[in-house]
Amino acid sequence: MPVLKLVIGDVVQTRKAHPCGDDRWEVVRLGADIGIRCLGCGRHVLMPRTKLERRIKAFAKRGPGAGATPSDTR
Protein backbone atom coordinates (compact mmCIF):
# COMPACT_ATOMS: atom_id res chain seq x y z
CA MET A 1 0.00 0.00 0.00
CA PRO A 2 1.54 3.37 -1.01
CA VAL A 3 2.22 6.05 1.58
CA LEU A 4 -0.34 8.86 1.61
CA LYS A 5 1.23 12.21 0.67
CA LEU A 6 0.70 14.65 3.52
CA VAL A 7 2.07 18.19 3.78
CA ILE A 8 2.06 20.65 6.64
CA GLY A 9 -1.12 22.70 6.43
CA ASP A 10 -3.37 19.88 5.19
CA VAL A 11 -6.76 19.75 6.90
CA VAL A 12 -8.11 16.21 7.13
CA GLN A 13 -11.51 14.90 8.15
CA THR A 14 -11.43 11.78 10.32
CA ARG A 15 -13.91 8.92 10.46
CA LYS A 16 -14.70 9.52 14.14
CA ALA A 17 -15.18 12.90 15.77
CA HIS A 18 -12.98 14.19 18.57
CA PRO A 19 -14.72 14.40 21.99
CA CYS A 20 -15.10 18.16 21.44
CA GLY A 21 -17.39 17.34 18.49
CA ASP A 22 -15.16 18.40 15.56
CA ASP A 23 -13.75 15.90 13.07
CA ARG A 24 -11.31 18.22 11.25
CA TRP A 25 -7.58 18.22 12.05
CA GLU A 26 -4.67 20.27 10.69
CA VAL A 27 -1.32 18.57 10.02
CA VAL A 28 1.37 20.49 11.92
CA ARG A 29 4.30 18.02 12.02
CA LEU A 30 5.57 15.32 9.66
CA GLY A 31 7.81 12.32 10.23
CA ALA A 32 7.31 8.77 11.49
CA ASP A 33 4.78 10.31 13.89
CA ILE A 34 2.39 12.91 12.49
CA GLY A 35 1.42 15.90 14.62
CA ILE A 36 -2.19 17.01 14.19
CA ARG A 37 -4.18 19.80 15.85
CA CYS A 38 -7.94 19.70 16.36
CA LEU A 39 -9.63 22.68 14.68
CA GLY A 40 -12.43 22.63 17.27
CA CYS A 41 -10.55 22.84 20.57
CA GLY A 42 -6.88 23.19 19.56
CA ARG A 43 -5.73 19.90 21.14
CA HIS A 44 -2.37 18.67 19.75
CA VAL A 45 -1.87 14.92 19.21
CA LEU A 46 1.07 12.86 17.90
CA MET A 47 -0.01 9.74 16.02
CA PRO A 48 1.89 7.09 14.05
CA ARG A 49 1.54 7.65 10.30
CA THR A 50 -0.09 4.25 9.66
CA LYS A 51 -2.74 4.83 12.32
CA LEU A 52 -3.58 8.30 10.98
CA GLU A 53 -3.80 7.07 7.38
CA ARG A 54 -6.44 4.52 8.43
CA ARG A 55 -8.48 7.18 10.25
CA ILE A 56 -8.56 9.77 7.44
CA LYS A 57 -11.94 9.98 5.69
CA ALA A 58 -11.23 12.91 3.34
CA PHE A 59 -9.10 16.00 2.81
CA ALA A 60 -11.01 19.16 3.72
CA LYS A 61 -8.18 21.40 2.45
CA ARG A 62 -4.77 20.69 0.96
CA GLY A 63 -1.71 22.56 2.17
CA PRO A 64 0.67 24.48 -0.07
CA GLY A 65 2.59 22.22 -2.44
CA ALA A 66 0.35 19.18 -1.99
CA GLY A 67 -0.56 18.89 -5.65
CA ALA A 68 2.76 19.90 -7.18
CA THR A 69 4.58 17.34 -9.30
CA PRO A 70 8.25 17.61 -10.29
CA SER A 71 7.29 18.77 -13.82
CA ASP A 72 5.11 21.58 -12.37
CA THR A 73 7.89 23.08 -10.25
CA ARG A 74 10.12 24.33 -13.11
PDB file of N, CA and C in Angstrom:
ATOM      1  N   MET A   1       0.845  -1.177   0.000  1.00  0.00           N
ATOM      2  CA  MET A   1       0.000   0.000   0.000  1.00  0.00           C
ATOM      3  C   MET A   1       0.894   1.245   0.000  1.00  0.00           C
ATOM      4  N   PRO A   2       0.692   2.176  -0.935  1.00  0.00           N
ATOM      5  CA  PRO A   2       1.543   3.371  -1.011  1.00  0.00           C
ATOM      6  C   PRO A   2       1.289   4.318   0.170  1.00  0.00           C
ATOM      7  N   VAL A   3       2.317   5.086   0.500  1.00  0.00           N
ATOM      8  CA  VAL A   3       2.225   6.054   1.584  1.00  0.00           C
ATOM      9  C   VAL A   3       1.411   7.255   1.107  1.00  0.00           C
ATOM     10  N   LEU A   4       0.493   7.702   1.930  1.00  0.00           N
ATOM     11  CA  LEU A   4      -0.341   8.858   1.611  1.00  0.00           C
ATOM     12  C   LEU A   4       0.502  10.125   1.698  1.00  0.00           C
ATOM     13  N   LYS A   5       0.438  10.975   0.683  1.00  0.00           N
ATOM     14  CA  LYS A   5       1.226  12.208   0.672  1.00  0.00           C
ATOM     15  C   LYS A   5       0.538  13.256   1.541  1.00  0.00           C
ATOM     16  N   LEU A   6       1.193  13.614   2.614  1.00  0.00           N
ATOM     17  CA  LEU A   6       0.703  14.648   3.521  1.00  0.00           C
ATOM     18  C   LEU A   6       1.698  15.802   3.520  1.00  0.00           C
ATOM     19  N   VAL A   7       1.206  17.016   3.638  1.00  0.00           N
ATOM     20  CA  VAL A   7       2.066  18.194   3.779  1.00  0.00           C
ATOM     21  C   VAL A   7       1.558  19.006   4.962  1.00  0.00           C
ATOM     22  N   ILE A   8       2.460  19.787   5.531  1.00  0.00           N
ATOM     23  CA  ILE A   8       2.060  20.654   6.644  1.00  0.00           C
ATOM     24  C   ILE A   8       1.041  21.660   6.120  1.00  0.00           C
ATOM     25  N   GLY A   9      -0.044  21.803   6.840  1.00  0.00           N
ATOM     26  CA  GLY A   9      -1.120  22.703   6.433  1.00  0.00           C
ATOM     27  C   GLY A   9      -2.338  21.974   5.901  1.00  0.00           C
ATOM     28  N   ASP A  10      -2.211  20.666   5.613  1.00  0.00           N
ATOM     29  CA  ASP A  10      -3.372  19.882   5.189  1.00  0.00           C
ATOM     30  C   ASP A  10      -4.412  19.862   6.308  1.00  0.00           C
ATOM     31  N   VAL A  11      -5.668  19.929   5.940  1.00  0.00           N
ATOM     32  CA  VAL A  11      -6.761  19.751   6.898  1.00  0.00           C
ATOM     33  C   VAL A  11      -7.477  18.476   6.492  1.00  0.00           C
ATOM     34  N   VAL A  12      -7.501  17.502   7.413  1.00  0.00           N
ATOM     35  CA  VAL A  12      -8.107  16.210   7.128  1.00  0.00           C
ATOM     36  C   VAL A  12      -9.359  16.024   7.979  1.00  0.00           C
ATOM     37  N   GLN A  13     -10.291  15.263   7.421  1.00  0.00           N
ATOM     38  CA  GLN A  13     -11.508  14.900   8.146  1.00  0.00           C
ATOM     39  C   GLN A  13     -11.358  13.442   8.554  1.00  0.00           C
ATOM     40  N   THR A  14     -11.583  13.138   9.826  1.00  0.00           N
ATOM     41  CA  THR A  14     -11.430  11.778  10.323  1.00  0.00           C
ATOM     42  C   THR A  14     -12.774  11.057  10.369  1.00  0.00           C
ATOM     43  N   ARG A  15     -12.698   9.735  10.433  1.00  0.00           N
ATOM     44  CA  ARG A  15     -13.914   8.915  10.459  1.00  0.00           C
ATOM     45  C   ARG A  15     -14.713   9.121  11.740  1.00  0.00           C
ATOM     46  N   LYS A  16     -14.026   9.289  12.855  1.00  0.00           N
ATOM     47  CA  LYS A  16     -14.699   9.524  14.135  1.00  0.00           C
ATOM     48  C   LYS A  16     -14.400  10.936  14.604  1.00  0.00           C
ATOM     49  N   ALA A  17     -15.366  11.540  15.260  1.00  0.00           N
ATOM     50  CA  ALA A  17     -15.185  12.896  15.769  1.00  0.00           C
ATOM     51  C   ALA A  17     -14.379  12.878  17.068  1.00  0.00           C
ATOM     52  N   HIS A  18     -13.689  13.965  17.316  1.00  0.00           N
ATOM     53  CA  HIS A  18     -12.977  14.190  18.572  1.00  0.00           C
ATOM     54  C   HIS A  18     -14.027  14.410  19.674  1.00  0.00           C
ATOM     55  N   PRO A  19     -13.723  14.168  20.933  1.00  0.00           N
ATOM     56  CA  PRO A  19     -14.718  14.404  21.994  1.00  0.00           C
ATOM     57  C   PRO A  19     -15.284  15.821  22.025  1.00  0.00           C
ATOM     58  N   CYS A  20     -14.569  16.795  21.471  1.00  0.00           N
ATOM     59  CA  CYS A  20     -15.102  18.164  21.442  1.00  0.00           C
ATOM     60  C   CYS A  20     -16.197  18.312  20.386  1.00  0.00           C
ATOM     61  N   GLY A  21     -16.330  17.318  19.490  1.00  0.00           N
ATOM     62  CA  GLY A  21     -17.386  17.344  18.486  1.00  0.00           C
ATOM     63  C   GLY A  21     -16.909  17.620  17.072  1.00  0.00           C
ATOM     64  N   ASP A  22     -15.680  18.096  16.904  1.00  0.00           N
ATOM     65  CA  ASP A  22     -15.165  18.404  15.564  1.00  0.00           C
ATOM     66  C   ASP A  22     -14.411  17.195  15.011  1.00  0.00           C
ATOM     67  N   ASP A  23     -14.471  17.016  13.688  1.00  0.00           N
ATOM     68  CA  ASP A  23     -13.754  15.899  13.069  1.00  0.00           C
ATOM     69  C   ASP A  23     -12.698  16.376  12.077  1.00  0.00           C
ATOM     70  N   ARG A  24     -12.322  17.672  12.154  1.00  0.00           N
ATOM     71  CA  ARG A  24     -11.310  18.224  11.249  1.00  0.00           C
ATOM     72  C   ARG A  24     -10.026  18.493  12.029  1.00  0.00           C
ATOM     73  N   TRP A  25      -8.895  18.086  11.432  1.00  0.00           N
ATOM     74  CA  TRP A  25      -7.580  18.215  12.047  1.00  0.00           C
ATOM     75  C   TRP A  25      -6.610  18.829  11.048  1.00  0.00           C
ATOM     76  N   GLU A  26      -5.702  19.683  11.537  1.00  0.00           N
ATOM     77  CA  GLU A  26      -4.665  20.271  10.689  1.00  0.00           C
ATOM     78  C   GLU A  26      -3.348  19.569  10.959  1.00  0.00           C
ATOM     79  N   VAL A  27      -2.627  19.206   9.897  1.00  0.00           N
ATOM     80  CA  VAL A  27      -1.322  18.566  10.018  1.00  0.00           C
ATOM     81  C   VAL A  27      -0.300  19.654  10.354  1.00  0.00           C
ATOM     82  N   VAL A  28       0.402  19.484  11.489  1.00  0.00           N
ATOM     83  CA  VAL A  28       1.373  20.492  11.923  1.00  0.00           C
ATOM     84  C   VAL A  28       2.784  19.949  12.024  1.00  0.00           C
ATOM     85  N   ARG A  29       2.976  18.613  11.931  1.00  0.00           N
ATOM     86  CA  ARG A  29       4.302  18.016  12.020  1.00  0.00           C
ATOM     87  C   ARG A  29       4.319  16.739  11.196  1.00  0.00           C
ATOM     88  N   LEU A  30       5.427  16.518  10.472  1.00  0.00           N
ATOM     89  CA  LEU A  30       5.571  15.316   9.664  1.00  0.00           C
ATOM     90  C   LEU A  30       6.774  14.515  10.126  1.00  0.00           C
ATOM     91  N   GLY A  31       6.737  13.230   9.861  1.00  0.00           N
ATOM     92  CA  GLY A  31       7.808  12.316  10.225  1.00  0.00           C
ATOM     93  C   GLY A  31       7.205  10.939  10.407  1.00  0.00           C
ATOM     94  N   ALA A  32       7.872  10.086  11.192  1.00  0.00           N
ATOM     95  CA  ALA A  32       7.307   8.772  11.492  1.00  0.00           C
ATOM     96  C   ALA A  32       6.011   8.950  12.277  1.00  0.00           C
ATOM     97  N   ASP A  33       6.007   9.917  13.196  1.00  0.00           N
ATOM     98  CA  ASP A  33       4.781  10.311  13.892  1.00  0.00           C
ATOM     99  C   ASP A  33       4.293  11.616  13.279  1.00  0.00           C
ATOM    100  N   ILE A  34       2.991  11.709  13.080  1.00  0.00           N
ATOM    101  CA  ILE A  34       2.389  12.906  12.495  1.00  0.00           C
ATOM    102  C   ILE A  34       1.746  13.725  13.615  1.00  0.00           C
ATOM    103  N   GLY A  35       2.044  15.000  13.651  1.00  0.00           N
ATOM    104  CA  GLY A  35       1.420  15.902  14.624  1.00  0.00           C
ATOM    105  C   GLY A  35       0.197  16.534  13.996  1.00  0.00           C
ATOM    106  N   ILE A  36      -0.946  16.409  14.689  1.00  0.00           N
ATOM    107  CA  ILE A  36      -2.186  17.008  14.193  1.00  0.00           C
ATOM    108  C   ILE A  36      -2.803  17.847  15.303  1.00  0.00           C
ATOM    109  N   ARG A  37      -3.530  18.907  14.898  1.00  0.00           N
ATOM    110  CA  ARG A  37      -4.176  19.799  15.851  1.00  0.00           C
ATOM    111  C   ARG A  37      -5.657  19.868  15.530  1.00  0.00           C
ATOM    112  N   CYS A  38      -6.497  19.648  16.537  1.00  0.00           N
ATOM    113  CA  CYS A  38      -7.944  19.700  16.357  1.00  0.00           C
ATOM    114  C   CYS A  38      -8.354  21.140  16.059  1.00  0.00           C
ATOM    115  N   LEU A  39      -9.180  21.329  15.042  1.00  0.00           N
ATOM    116  CA  LEU A  39      -9.626  22.676  14.683  1.00  0.00           C
ATOM    117  C   LEU A  39     -10.785  23.138  15.556  1.00  0.00           C
ATOM    118  N   GLY A  40     -11.343  22.255  16.364  1.00  0.00           N
ATOM    119  CA  GLY A  40     -12.428  22.626  17.272  1.00  0.00           C
ATOM    120  C   GLY A  40     -11.910  23.186  18.585  1.00  0.00           C
ATOM    121  N   CYS A  41     -11.004  22.443  19.234  1.00  0.00           N
ATOM    122  CA  CYS A  41     -10.547  22.838  20.568  1.00  0.00           C
ATOM    123  C   CYS A  41      -9.057  23.179  20.634  1.00  0.00           C
ATOM    124  N   GLY A  42      -8.297  22.864  19.574  1.00  0.00           N
ATOM    125  CA  GLY A  42      -6.878  23.188  19.556  1.00  0.00           C
ATOM    126  C   GLY A  42      -5.974  22.126  20.167  1.00  0.00           C
ATOM    127  N   ARG A  43      -6.524  20.996  20.542  1.00  0.00           N
ATOM    128  CA  ARG A  43      -5.731  19.903  21.139  1.00  0.00           C
ATOM    129  C   ARG A  43      -4.697  19.395  20.135  1.00  0.00           C
ATOM    130  N   HIS A  44      -3.455  19.159  20.602  1.00  0.00           N
ATOM    131  CA  HIS A  44      -2.372  18.673  19.747  1.00  0.00           C
ATOM    132  C   HIS A  44      -2.122  17.208  20.072  1.00  0.00           C
ATOM    133  N   VAL A  45      -2.056  16.355  19.033  1.00  0.00           N
ATOM    134  CA  VAL A  45      -1.868  14.918  19.207  1.00  0.00           C
ATOM    135  C   VAL A  45      -0.773  14.441  18.261  1.00  0.00           C
ATOM    136  N   LEU A  46       0.104  13.548  18.746  1.00  0.00           N
ATOM    137  CA  LEU A  46       1.072  12.858  17.902  1.00  0.00           C
ATOM    138  C   LEU A  46       0.539  11.453  17.653  1.00  0.00           C
ATOM    139  N   MET A  47       0.540  11.032  16.381  1.00  0.00           N
ATOM    140  CA  MET A  47      -0.011   9.744  16.016  1.00  0.00           C
ATOM    141  C   MET A  47       0.893   9.092  14.980  1.00  0.00           C
ATOM    142  N   PRO A  48       1.106   7.772  15.091  1.00  0.00           N
ATOM    143  CA  PRO A  48       1.887   7.094  14.054  1.00  0.00           C
ATOM    144  C   PRO A  48       1.227   7.257  12.681  1.00  0.00           C
ATOM    145  N   ARG A  49       2.044   7.408  11.658  1.00  0.00           N
ATOM    146  CA  ARG A  49       1.543   7.651  10.302  1.00  0.00           C
ATOM    147  C   ARG A  49       0.532   6.596   9.867  1.00  0.00           C
ATOM    148  N   THR A  50       0.813   5.318  10.109  1.00  0.00           N
ATOM    149  CA  THR A  50      -0.092   4.254   9.657  1.00  0.00           C
ATOM    150  C   THR A  50      -1.452   4.351  10.323  1.00  0.00           C
ATOM    151  N   LYS A  51      -1.473   4.698  11.592  1.00  0.00           N
ATOM    152  CA  LYS A  51      -2.742   4.831  12.325  1.00  0.00           C
ATOM    153  C   LYS A  51      -3.553   6.006  11.781  1.00  0.00           C
ATOM    154  N   LEU A  52      -2.878   7.136  11.519  1.00  0.00           N
ATOM    155  CA  LEU A  52      -3.578   8.302  10.982  1.00  0.00           C
ATOM    156  C   LEU A  52      -4.126   8.025   9.588  1.00  0.00           C
ATOM    157  N   GLU A  53      -3.343   7.354   8.745  1.00  0.00           N
ATOM    158  CA  GLU A  53      -3.802   7.065   7.378  1.00  0.00           C
ATOM    159  C   GLU A  53      -5.081   6.232   7.380  1.00  0.00           C
ATOM    160  N   ARG A  54      -5.217   5.321   8.337  1.00  0.00           N
ATOM    161  CA  ARG A  54      -6.441   4.516   8.428  1.00  0.00           C
ATOM    162  C   ARG A  54      -7.629   5.353   8.883  1.00  0.00           C
ATOM    163  N   ARG A  55      -7.389   6.382   9.683  1.00  0.00           N
ATOM    164  CA  ARG A  55      -8.478   7.185  10.251  1.00  0.00           C
ATOM    165  C   ARG A  55      -8.964   8.306   9.334  1.00  0.00           C
ATOM    166  N   ILE A  56      -8.186   8.666   8.315  1.00  0.00           N
ATOM    167  CA  ILE A  56      -8.565   9.769   7.436  1.00  0.00           C
ATOM    168  C   ILE A  56      -9.730   9.358   6.541  1.00  0.00           C
ATOM    169  N   LYS A  57     -10.759  10.188   6.540  1.00  0.00           N
ATOM    170  CA  LYS A  57     -11.936   9.976   5.690  1.00  0.00           C
ATOM    171  C   LYS A  57     -11.798  10.778   4.396  1.00  0.00           C
ATOM    172  N   ALA A  58     -11.358  12.040   4.512  1.00  0.00           N
ATOM    173  CA  ALA A  58     -11.228  12.914   3.344  1.00  0.00           C
ATOM    174  C   ALA A  58     -10.309  14.080   3.683  1.00  0.00           C
ATOM    175  N   PHE A  59      -9.857  14.763   2.641  1.00  0.00           N
ATOM    176  CA  PHE A  59      -9.102  16.003   2.809  1.00  0.00           C
ATOM    177  C   PHE A  59     -10.080  17.161   2.713  1.00  0.00           C
ATOM    178  N   ALA A  60     -10.160  17.981   3.749  1.00  0.00           N
ATOM    179  CA  ALA A  60     -11.014  19.164   3.722  1.00  0.00           C
ATOM    180  C   ALA A  60     -10.314  20.301   2.977  1.00  0.00           C
ATOM    181  N   LYS A  61      -8.984  20.368   3.125  1.00  0.00           N
ATOM    182  CA  LYS A  61      -8.183  21.401   2.449  1.00  0.00           C
ATOM    183  C   LYS A  61      -6.773  20.870   2.309  1.00  0.00           C
ATOM    184  N   ARG A  62      -6.161  21.100   1.172  1.00  0.00           N
ATOM    185  CA  ARG A  62      -4.772  20.687   0.959  1.00  0.00           C
ATOM    186  C   ARG A  62      -3.845  21.854   1.258  1.00  0.00           C
ATOM    187  N   GLY A  63      -2.710  21.551   1.851  1.00  0.00           N
ATOM    188  CA  GLY A  63      -1.715  22.558   2.169  1.00  0.00           C
ATOM    189  C   GLY A  63      -0.958  22.988   0.933  1.00  0.00           C
ATOM    190  N   PRO A  64      -0.118  24.012   1.073  1.00  0.00           N
ATOM    191  CA  PRO A  64       0.671  24.482  -0.072  1.00  0.00           C
ATOM    192  C   PRO A  64       1.644  23.416  -0.556  1.00  0.00           C
ATOM    193  N   GLY A  65       1.669  23.182  -1.850  1.00  0.00           N
ATOM    194  CA  GLY A  65       2.590  22.221  -2.436  1.00  0.00           C
ATOM    195  C   GLY A  65       2.091  20.794  -2.456  1.00  0.00           C
ATOM    196  N   ALA A  66       0.863  20.551  -2.046  1.00  0.00           N
ATOM    197  CA  ALA A  66       0.347  19.183  -1.986  1.00  0.00           C
ATOM    198  C   ALA A  66       0.123  18.590  -3.367  1.00  0.00           C
ATOM    199  N   GLY A  67      -0.254  19.408  -4.329  1.00  0.00           N
ATOM    200  CA  GLY A  67      -0.558  18.888  -5.652  1.00  0.00           C
ATOM    201  C   GLY A  67       0.556  19.064  -6.664  1.00  0.00           C
ATOM    202  N   ALA A  68       1.673  19.615  -6.240  1.00  0.00           N
ATOM    203  CA  ALA A  68       2.758  19.900  -7.183  1.00  0.00           C
ATOM    204  C   ALA A  68       3.502  18.622  -7.535  1.00  0.00           C
ATOM    205  N   THR A  69       3.762  18.460  -8.828  1.00  0.00           N
ATOM    206  CA  THR A  69       4.577  17.343  -9.304  1.00  0.00           C
ATOM    207  C   THR A  69       5.913  17.900  -9.755  1.00  0.00           C
ATOM    208  N   PRO A  70       6.941  17.085  -9.889  1.00  0.00           N
ATOM    209  CA  PRO A  70       8.255  17.609 -10.294  1.00  0.00           C
ATOM    210  C   PRO A  70       8.215  18.406 -11.599  1.00  0.00           C
ATOM    211  N   SER A  71       7.355  18.029 -12.563  1.00  0.00           N
ATOM    212  CA  SER A  71       7.295  18.772 -13.821  1.00  0.00           C
ATOM    213  C   SER A  71       6.614  20.142 -13.646  1.00  0.00           C
ATOM    214  N   ASP A  72       5.785  20.304 -12.599  1.00  0.00           N
ATOM    215  CA  ASP A  72       5.106  21.582 -12.371  1.00  0.00           C
ATOM    216  C   ASP A  72       5.979  22.612 -11.651  1.00  0.00           C
ATOM    217  N   THR A  73       7.097  22.184 -11.075  1.00  0.00           N
ATOM    218  CA  THR A  73       7.894  23.082 -10.249  1.00  0.00           C
ATOM    219  C   THR A  73       9.029  23.752 -11.013  1.00  0.00           C
ATOM    220  N   ARG A  74       9.049  23.681 -12.324  1.00  0.00           N
ATOM    221  CA  ARG A  74      10.124  24.328 -13.106  1.00  0.00           C
ATOM    222  C   ARG A  74      10.006  25.804 -13.118  1.00  0.00           C
TER     223      ARG A  74
END
